[in-house]
């Protein structure tokens, strides 16, 4: 994806090599594919309405999802809430893997290295990409995943 406009920043501070790579002909080359940009900006990813309240803190699943999607071993992810007697709600991640060797411990490590501890998913469930429930627009239905989680925990 390439960005150009009057409010575009002029370059990175003291980073000539990066500037040469990312800025050409007055445009900024983001290194984000159109598919990634559409996924990050879709209403299902924005998280404007879907929020997890855990121990008095607000957690926006989109932040966790975008972090995890940066890992090439992860094809798809959706973070949903689960009721918890201590915290009220906790985040739980459903993940489709590109690499079958990816384990839950590695997902936790990604989170521990990049976000604050109250945002970590407390559980990780691996499913295939075609198991994500989607609406007619192709967006993941978080409520359906919450219901799946309830069945799993019975």
Foldseek 3Di string as FASTA:
>chain_A
DKDADDPDDDDDPPDVPVCVVQDDPRIGNPPADPVRVCVCPPPLLVQPPAWWQWQNDIERQSVLQVLVVVDQQWDGKGWHWDQDPPTRIAIEMETETPDPPDDPVVSQVSCVVPHDDRNGHPYYHYDHPVPFDADPVRRGDRVVVRVVVVVVVD
